[in-house]
Amino acid sequence: MRSRLRAYERRLARLAGILRAWSGETERAAKRQEGRKLIAMMARAGLAAAGIDPGTAVTLRDLDAPEPARPQVHPLRRAAQRSQQTLLDFLRETTARYHHGRPPDLAQASPMQIVGYYCFGDGTAREAPA
């Protein structure tokens, strides 16, 4: 009888693990959407501080829309890709190539170009648009 109970407990534990993984993915998707909104808010604030109408940045509209479905990635691969870096450090490093130079063309610029230039780069000096 005990061996059957142990086998049943193992099956329940496996099922509980699968359910936790499913709920975790939903929570991570919600956090990604919050992150997209945060990046859009930062970019809009950077543009507004530089005296540029944030409505002219076409790509910021895409950040407000729900994130498209992502392909399935094995949980071990996903865990290996995670880092212990803060969001601001990550954004600063990722957008480093956009910090200096000419202001990006807002009709074609990516959100990362806008965040890089107007939040971390030369655009933070509140220069007048060209």
N, C-alpha and C. Protein backbone atom coordinates (compact mmCIF):
# COMPACT_ATOMS: atom_id res chain seq x y z
N MET A 1 0.80 -1.19 0.00
CA MET A 1 0.00 0.00 0.00
C MET A 1 0.86 1.27 0.00
N ARG A 2 1.95 1.24 0.81
CA ARG A 2 2.81 2.41 0.88
C ARG A 2 3.48 2.70 -0.45
N SER A 3 3.87 1.68 -1.15
CA SER A 3 4.54 1.90 -2.44
C SER A 3 3.58 2.55 -3.44
N ARG A 4 2.32 2.18 -3.39
CA ARG A 4 1.34 2.81 -4.28
C ARG A 4 1.13 4.27 -3.92
N LEU A 5 1.11 4.56 -2.61
CA LEU A 5 0.96 5.95 -2.18
C LEU A 5 2.16 6.79 -2.60
N ARG A 6 3.36 6.23 -2.48
CA ARG A 6 4.56 6.96 -2.91
C ARG A 6 4.55 7.20 -4.41
N ALA A 7 4.15 6.23 -5.17
CA ALA A 7 4.06 6.40 -6.62
C ALA A 7 3.02 7.47 -6.97
N TYR A 8 1.92 7.47 -6.26
CA TYR A 8 0.87 8.47 -6.48
C TYR A 8 1.38 9.87 -6.12
N GLU A 9 2.12 9.98 -5.01
CA GLU A 9 2.69 11.26 -4.60
C GLU A 9 3.70 11.77 -5.62
N ARG A 10 4.49 10.87 -6.19
CA ARG A 10 5.45 11.29 -7.24
C ARG A 10 4.73 11.81 -8.46
N ARG A 11 3.65 11.15 -8.86
CA ARG A 11 2.87 11.62 -10.02
C ARG A 11 2.25 12.99 -9.73
N LEU A 12 1.75 13.16 -8.52
CA LEU A 12 1.18 14.46 -8.14
C LEU A 12 2.25 15.55 -8.12
N ALA A 13 3.43 15.21 -7.64
CA ALA A 13 4.53 16.19 -7.61
C ALA A 13 4.92 16.59 -9.03
N ARG A 14 4.97 15.63 -9.95
CA ARG A 14 5.28 15.95 -11.36
C ARG A 14 4.23 16.87 -11.95
N LEU A 15 2.97 16.56 -11.68
CA LEU A 15 1.87 17.38 -12.18
C LEU A 15 1.93 18.80 -11.59
N ALA A 16 2.24 18.90 -10.31
CA ALA A 16 2.36 20.21 -9.67
C ALA A 16 3.49 21.01 -10.30
N GLY A 17 4.60 20.35 -10.63
CA GLY A 17 5.70 21.03 -11.29
C GLY A 17 5.32 21.57 -12.66
N ILE A 18 4.58 20.80 -13.40
CA ILE A 18 4.13 21.24 -14.73
C ILE A 18 3.20 22.44 -14.59
N LEU A 19 2.29 22.38 -13.64
CA LEU A 19 1.36 23.50 -13.43
C LEU A 19 2.10 24.76 -12.98
N ARG A 20 3.12 24.62 -12.13
CA ARG A 20 3.91 25.78 -11.72
C ARG A 20 4.63 26.40 -12.91
N ALA A 21 5.15 25.57 -13.80
CA ALA A 21 5.84 26.08 -14.99
C ALA A 21 4.87 26.85 -15.88
N TRP A 22 3.67 26.34 -16.05
CA TRP A 22 2.68 27.03 -16.88
C TRP A 22 2.32 28.38 -16.29
N SER A 23 2.07 28.42 -14.99
CA SER A 23 1.69 29.69 -14.36
C SER A 23 2.87 30.66 -14.36
N GLY A 24 4.09 30.15 -14.25
CA GLY A 24 5.27 31.01 -14.28
C GLY A 24 5.43 31.71 -15.62
N GLU A 25 5.13 31.02 -16.70
CA GLU A 25 5.24 31.63 -18.03
C GLU A 25 4.24 32.77 -18.19
N THR A 26 3.04 32.60 -17.65
CA THR A 26 2.03 33.65 -17.71
C THR A 26 2.49 34.88 -16.93
N GLU A 27 3.07 34.65 -15.76
CA GLU A 27 3.56 35.76 -14.95
C GLU A 27 4.72 36.46 -15.64
N ARG A 28 5.62 35.71 -16.26
CA ARG A 28 6.74 36.33 -16.98
C ARG A 28 6.24 37.13 -18.17
N ALA A 29 5.21 36.67 -18.86
CA ALA A 29 4.65 37.42 -19.98
C ALA A 29 4.07 38.74 -19.50
N ALA A 30 3.42 38.72 -18.36
CA ALA A 30 2.87 39.97 -17.80
C ALA A 30 4.00 40.93 -17.43
N LYS A 31 5.09 40.41 -16.87
CA LYS A 31 6.23 41.27 -16.53
C LYS A 31 6.88 41.84 -17.78
N ARG A 32 6.97 41.04 -18.85
CA ARG A 32 7.54 41.56 -20.11
C ARG A 32 6.69 42.71 -20.64
N GLN A 33 5.36 42.56 -20.56
CA GLN A 33 4.47 43.63 -21.04
C GLN A 33 4.66 44.89 -20.20
N GLU A 34 4.81 44.73 -18.89
CA GLU A 34 5.07 45.88 -18.03
C GLU A 34 6.40 46.54 -18.41
N GLY A 35 7.39 45.72 -18.73
CA GLY A 35 8.70 46.24 -19.15
C GLY A 35 8.60 47.03 -20.45
N ARG A 36 7.81 46.53 -21.38
CA ARG A 36 7.62 47.24 -22.65
C ARG A 36 6.98 48.60 -22.40
N LYS A 37 6.00 48.64 -21.51
CA LYS A 37 5.35 49.92 -21.19
C LYS A 37 6.32 50.86 -20.50
N LEU A 38 7.20 50.32 -19.63
CA LEU A 38 8.19 51.14 -18.95
C LEU A 38 9.18 51.74 -19.94
N ILE A 39 9.62 50.94 -20.90
CA ILE A 39 10.56 51.45 -21.92
C ILE A 39 9.89 52.53 -22.75
N ALA A 40 8.63 52.33 -23.12
CA ALA A 40 7.91 53.35 -23.88
C ALA A 40 7.78 54.63 -23.07
N MET A 41 7.50 54.50 -21.78
CA MET A 41 7.36 55.67 -20.93
C MET A 41 8.70 56.41 -20.82
N MET A 42 9.80 55.65 -20.65
CA MET A 42 11.13 56.28 -20.57
C MET A 42 11.46 57.02 -21.86
N ALA A 43 11.19 56.38 -22.99
CA ALA A 43 11.50 56.99 -24.28
C ALA A 43 10.67 58.26 -24.49
N ARG A 44 9.40 58.19 -24.14
CA ARG A 44 8.55 59.38 -24.28
C ARG A 44 9.04 60.52 -23.39
N ALA A 45 9.44 60.19 -22.16
CA ALA A 45 9.94 61.21 -21.25
C ALA A 45 11.24 61.82 -21.77
N GLY A 46 12.11 60.97 -22.32
CA GLY A 46 13.37 61.47 -22.89
C GLY A 46 13.13 62.39 -24.08
N LEU A 47 12.19 62.00 -24.94
CA LEU A 47 11.86 62.85 -26.09
C LEU A 47 11.24 64.16 -25.64
N ALA A 48 10.34 64.09 -24.68
CA ALA A 48 9.69 65.31 -24.19
C ALA A 48 10.71 66.24 -23.52
N ALA A 49 11.65 65.67 -22.78
CA ALA A 49 12.69 66.48 -22.14
C ALA A 49 13.59 67.15 -23.17
N ALA A 50 13.74 66.52 -24.33
CA ALA A 50 14.56 67.09 -25.41
C ALA A 50 13.75 68.07 -26.26
N GLY A 51 12.48 68.25 -25.92
CA GLY A 51 11.64 69.18 -26.66
C GLY A 51 11.08 68.62 -27.95
N ILE A 52 10.97 67.29 -28.02
CA ILE A 52 10.47 66.63 -29.23
C ILE A 52 9.13 65.98 -28.90
N ASP A 53 8.18 66.10 -29.81
CA ASP A 53 6.87 65.49 -29.61
C ASP A 53 7.00 63.97 -29.66
N PRO A 54 6.68 63.26 -28.57
CA PRO A 54 6.80 61.79 -28.57
C PRO A 54 5.88 61.12 -29.58
N GLY A 55 4.85 61.80 -30.05
CA GLY A 55 3.94 61.22 -31.04
C GLY A 55 4.59 61.02 -32.39
N THR A 56 5.75 61.66 -32.63
CA THR A 56 6.41 61.49 -33.92
C THR A 56 7.23 60.20 -33.99
N ALA A 57 7.45 59.55 -32.85
CA ALA A 57 8.20 58.28 -32.83
C ALA A 57 7.23 57.14 -33.09
N VAL A 58 7.24 56.66 -34.31
CA VAL A 58 6.27 55.65 -34.75
C VAL A 58 6.42 54.34 -33.98
N THR A 59 7.63 53.92 -33.69
CA THR A 59 7.84 52.61 -33.07
C THR A 59 7.36 52.54 -31.63
N LEU A 60 7.17 53.68 -30.98
CA LEU A 60 6.69 53.64 -29.60
C LEU A 60 5.24 53.15 -29.53
N ARG A 61 4.51 53.31 -30.61
CA ARG A 61 3.13 52.82 -30.62
C ARG A 61 3.09 51.29 -30.53
N ASP A 62 4.09 50.64 -31.10
CA ASP A 62 4.15 49.18 -31.06
C ASP A 62 4.38 48.66 -29.64
N LEU A 63 5.06 49.44 -28.81
CA LEU A 63 5.33 48.99 -27.45
C LEU A 63 4.06 48.96 -26.59
N ASP A 64 3.07 49.75 -26.95
CA ASP A 64 1.82 49.75 -26.18
C ASP A 64 0.94 48.55 -26.53
N ALA A 65 1.14 47.99 -27.70
CA ALA A 65 0.34 46.83 -28.12
C ALA A 65 0.82 45.59 -27.36
N PRO A 66 -0.04 44.60 -27.17
CA PRO A 66 0.39 43.36 -26.50
C PRO A 66 1.52 42.69 -27.27
N GLU A 67 2.40 42.06 -26.53
CA GLU A 67 3.55 41.38 -27.13
C GLU A 67 3.09 40.18 -27.95
N PRO A 68 3.65 40.02 -29.14
CA PRO A 68 3.28 38.84 -29.94
C PRO A 68 3.77 37.55 -29.25
N ALA A 69 3.15 36.45 -29.60
CA ALA A 69 3.51 35.16 -29.00
C ALA A 69 4.97 34.83 -29.32
N ARG A 70 5.66 34.32 -28.31
CA ARG A 70 7.06 33.95 -28.48
C ARG A 70 7.17 32.45 -28.71
N PRO A 71 8.19 32.03 -29.44
CA PRO A 71 8.37 30.58 -29.63
C PRO A 71 8.75 29.92 -28.31
N GLN A 72 8.39 28.65 -28.18
CA GLN A 72 8.70 27.91 -26.95
C GLN A 72 10.20 27.69 -26.84
N VAL A 73 10.74 27.94 -25.67
CA VAL A 73 12.15 27.72 -25.38
C VAL A 73 12.23 26.76 -24.21
N HIS A 74 13.14 25.81 -24.30
CA HIS A 74 13.29 24.83 -23.23
C HIS A 74 13.62 25.55 -21.92
N PRO A 75 13.01 25.15 -20.81
CA PRO A 75 13.22 25.85 -19.53
C PRO A 75 14.68 25.91 -19.09
N LEU A 76 15.47 24.87 -19.37
CA LEU A 76 16.89 24.90 -18.99
C LEU A 76 17.65 25.94 -19.81
N ARG A 77 17.33 26.06 -21.09
CA ARG A 77 17.98 27.07 -21.92
C ARG A 77 17.60 28.46 -21.45
N ARG A 78 16.32 28.66 -21.11
CA ARG A 78 15.84 29.95 -20.62
C ARG A 78 16.56 30.32 -19.32
N ALA A 79 16.73 29.35 -18.42
CA ALA A 79 17.41 29.61 -17.15
C ALA A 79 18.87 29.99 -17.37
N ALA A 80 19.50 29.37 -18.36
CA ALA A 80 20.90 29.66 -18.65
C ALA A 80 21.07 31.06 -19.25
N GLN A 81 20.05 31.57 -19.90
CA GLN A 81 20.15 32.88 -20.55
C GLN A 81 19.90 34.04 -19.59
N ARG A 82 19.34 33.76 -18.44
CA ARG A 82 19.04 34.83 -17.49
C ARG A 82 20.33 35.37 -16.88
N SER A 83 20.33 36.65 -16.58
CA SER A 83 21.49 37.25 -15.91
C SER A 83 21.03 37.99 -14.67
N GLN A 84 21.95 38.40 -13.87
CA GLN A 84 21.64 39.08 -12.61
C GLN A 84 21.81 40.59 -12.75
N GLN A 85 21.53 41.14 -13.90
CA GLN A 85 21.74 42.53 -14.22
C GLN A 85 20.46 43.33 -14.00
N THR A 86 20.58 44.60 -13.59
CA THR A 86 19.39 45.43 -13.43
C THR A 86 18.92 45.89 -14.81
N LEU A 87 17.67 46.32 -14.88
CA LEU A 87 17.11 46.76 -16.15
C LEU A 87 17.86 47.98 -16.69
N LEU A 88 18.16 48.94 -15.84
CA LEU A 88 18.87 50.14 -16.31
C LEU A 88 20.26 49.81 -16.82
N ASP A 89 20.99 48.94 -16.11
CA ASP A 89 22.31 48.54 -16.59
C ASP A 89 22.21 47.83 -17.93
N PHE A 90 21.23 46.94 -18.05
CA PHE A 90 21.02 46.22 -19.30
C PHE A 90 20.72 47.19 -20.44
N LEU A 91 19.81 48.15 -20.21
CA LEU A 91 19.47 49.12 -21.26
C LEU A 91 20.66 49.99 -21.62
N ARG A 92 21.42 50.42 -20.63
CA ARG A 92 22.59 51.26 -20.89
C ARG A 92 23.60 50.50 -21.76
N GLU A 93 23.87 49.24 -21.44
CA GLU A 93 24.82 48.45 -22.22
C GLU A 93 24.29 48.14 -23.63
N THR A 94 23.00 47.78 -23.70
CA THR A 94 22.41 47.39 -24.98
C THR A 94 22.35 48.56 -25.94
N THR A 95 22.13 49.76 -25.43
CA THR A 95 21.95 50.92 -26.30
C THR A 95 23.21 51.77 -26.41
N ALA A 96 24.35 51.26 -25.97
CA ALA A 96 25.58 52.05 -25.95
C ALA A 96 25.94 52.62 -27.33
N ARG A 97 25.68 51.89 -28.39
CA ARG A 97 26.05 52.38 -29.72
C ARG A 97 25.17 53.54 -30.19
N TYR A 98 24.06 53.79 -29.50
CA TYR A 98 23.16 54.88 -29.89
C TYR A 98 23.33 56.12 -29.02
N HIS A 99 24.26 56.12 -28.05
CA HIS A 99 24.39 57.22 -27.11
C HIS A 99 24.91 58.50 -27.76
N HIS A 100 25.73 58.40 -28.77
CA HIS A 100 26.37 59.57 -29.36
C HIS A 100 26.09 59.64 -30.85
N GLY A 101 26.30 60.82 -31.39
CA GLY A 101 26.10 60.99 -32.83
C GLY A 101 24.88 61.82 -33.11
N ARG A 102 24.37 61.66 -34.32
CA ARG A 102 23.19 62.42 -34.73
C ARG A 102 21.94 61.86 -34.09
N PRO A 103 20.94 62.72 -33.84
CA PRO A 103 19.67 62.22 -33.31
C PRO A 103 19.03 61.25 -34.29
N PRO A 104 18.37 60.21 -33.81
CA PRO A 104 17.75 59.25 -34.71
C PRO A 104 16.54 59.85 -35.43
N ASP A 105 16.28 59.34 -36.62
CA ASP A 105 15.10 59.73 -37.38
C ASP A 105 13.89 59.08 -36.71
N LEU A 106 13.01 59.91 -36.15
CA LEU A 106 11.91 59.37 -35.34
C LEU A 106 10.89 58.61 -36.17
N ALA A 107 10.87 58.80 -37.46
CA ALA A 107 9.93 58.06 -38.30
C ALA A 107 10.38 56.61 -38.49
N GLN A 108 11.68 56.36 -38.31
CA GLN A 108 12.20 55.01 -38.56
C GLN A 108 12.99 54.43 -37.38
N ALA A 109 13.20 55.21 -36.33
CA ALA A 109 14.04 54.76 -35.22
C ALA A 109 13.37 53.66 -34.42
N SER A 110 14.19 52.74 -33.92
CA SER A 110 13.67 51.69 -33.05
C SER A 110 13.53 52.26 -31.64
N PRO A 111 12.73 51.60 -30.79
CA PRO A 111 12.63 52.07 -29.41
C PRO A 111 13.99 52.10 -28.70
N MET A 112 14.85 51.14 -29.00
CA MET A 112 16.17 51.11 -28.36
C MET A 112 17.01 52.30 -28.79
N GLN A 113 16.91 52.71 -30.06
CA GLN A 113 17.64 53.89 -30.51
C GLN A 113 17.16 55.13 -29.76
N ILE A 114 15.85 55.24 -29.60
CA ILE A 114 15.28 56.41 -28.90
C ILE A 114 15.69 56.41 -27.44
N VAL A 115 15.57 55.26 -26.77
CA VAL A 115 15.96 55.18 -25.36
C VAL A 115 17.45 55.45 -25.22
N GLY A 116 18.26 54.86 -26.09
CA GLY A 116 19.70 55.04 -26.00
C GLY A 116 20.12 56.49 -26.16
N TYR A 117 19.56 57.17 -27.15
CA TYR A 117 19.98 58.55 -27.43
C TYR A 117 19.38 59.54 -26.45
N TYR A 118 18.06 59.43 -26.21
CA TYR A 118 17.38 60.45 -25.42
C TYR A 118 17.36 60.17 -23.92
N CYS A 119 17.65 58.95 -23.48
CA CYS A 119 17.67 58.66 -22.05
C CYS A 119 19.08 58.49 -21.50
N PHE A 120 20.01 57.98 -22.30
CA PHE A 120 21.36 57.72 -21.81
C PHE A 120 22.44 58.48 -22.58
N GLY A 121 22.12 59.03 -23.72
CA GLY A 121 23.16 59.62 -24.57
C GLY A 121 23.10 61.12 -24.68
N ASP A 122 23.51 61.60 -25.84
CA ASP A 122 23.60 63.04 -26.10
C ASP A 122 22.25 63.74 -26.01
N GLY A 123 21.16 63.05 -26.25
CA GLY A 123 19.84 63.66 -26.20
C GLY A 123 19.40 64.05 -24.81
N THR A 124 20.10 63.54 -23.78
CA THR A 124 19.74 63.92 -22.41
C THR A 124 20.16 65.33 -22.09
N ALA A 125 20.98 65.94 -22.97
CA ALA A 125 21.45 67.31 -22.75
C ALA A 125 20.39 68.32 -23.13
N ARG A 126 19.19 67.84 -23.48
CA ARG A 126 18.05 68.69 -23.83
C ARG A 126 18.38 69.61 -24.99
N GLU A 127 18.97 69.02 -26.01
CA GLU A 127 19.31 69.81 -27.19
C GLU A 127 18.09 70.02 -28.05
N ALA A 128 18.10 71.07 -28.81
CA ALA A 128 16.98 71.37 -29.70
C ALA A 128 17.01 70.41 -30.88
N PRO A 129 15.85 69.96 -31.37
CA PRO A 129 15.84 69.06 -32.50
C PRO A 129 16.35 69.77 -33.75
N ALA A 130 17.03 69.00 -34.60
CA ALA A 130 17.60 69.58 -35.83
C ALA A 130 16.54 69.76 -36.87
